[in-house]
């Protein structure tokens, strides 16, 4: 009898641990509403609690993640206007990071602010994602960016490994075409949810997706063992972006890459030798002129 009880207890512990390991995100969600006067603040407190539980308990993939493998991310919904007692408008910012092998460093993968955030929410309302319907703009936006982050994260570990997740995000976009809220349709903007996932799945961005893989797996993940070879791999990976830039100058997806990576690139090459810095500066001057001020640090050091 005691052995049977022990077996049952061990099985329950195993299943509990399996449940913990299955979750993909270690996500912190904040809902701020300083700009909204006179509204019931408990609504936003309830929303923040529900979204944190949703992001950290929802099963997004068929893969098992150990606690240290979970994708670190932050989401912040900044509510700027109450349209009614249960409808709000504002923005959502998302940042996601991945650990670098054999180090304590986390590399930023995605850093973006979406200004088209309009949603309905009633205090205590459950957050449930149904992949087959468009029931809630709030849940659709959260699920969309979850799949985008998964796509970029998986791309950073294997070549084009994130394709299925970008396709999931694309399905959400397709279901949202009848939505009254903005951010989902191609004609509304050249830089919205429609175009982000369109860029990710379009053939002309495959070299950039190859860059994500080479930059992280062949570059950053080998930095602790062979820093010079790792820097060379990062530079080689960035050359891939030139192929995209010459077809689609300053594309949305390219801009998102450099929004996440510009500061990191400077840090990687601070200790580089002059010839390597020169090649990098020439490349970045062509493919990322928007961040030229940041790269001037390397230019000055190269004189």
Foldseek 3Di string as FASTA:
>chain_A
DVVVVVVVVVVVVVVVQQQQQQAAAPEQEEEAEPQEPPADCLQRVQVRVQVNCCNRRPRDDPDTHHPLFHKYKYKYWYWNDDPDNFKTAFKMWMWIWGDAAPDPDTAIQFTDMGRQDIWGGDRPDHQDDDLPACDIPVNLVVLLVVLVVQLLVLLQADQSRSVVSLVSSQSSLVRCPPPPGDQRDCVVDQAGSPNQSVLVPDPLCSLVSNLSHQLRVVARNCCVPDLVRNLVSNLVSLVSLVSSCVVPNPHNNLVRRCVRPVLVNCVSCVPPDLVSLVSSLVSCVRRPVVCNVSSVVSVVVND
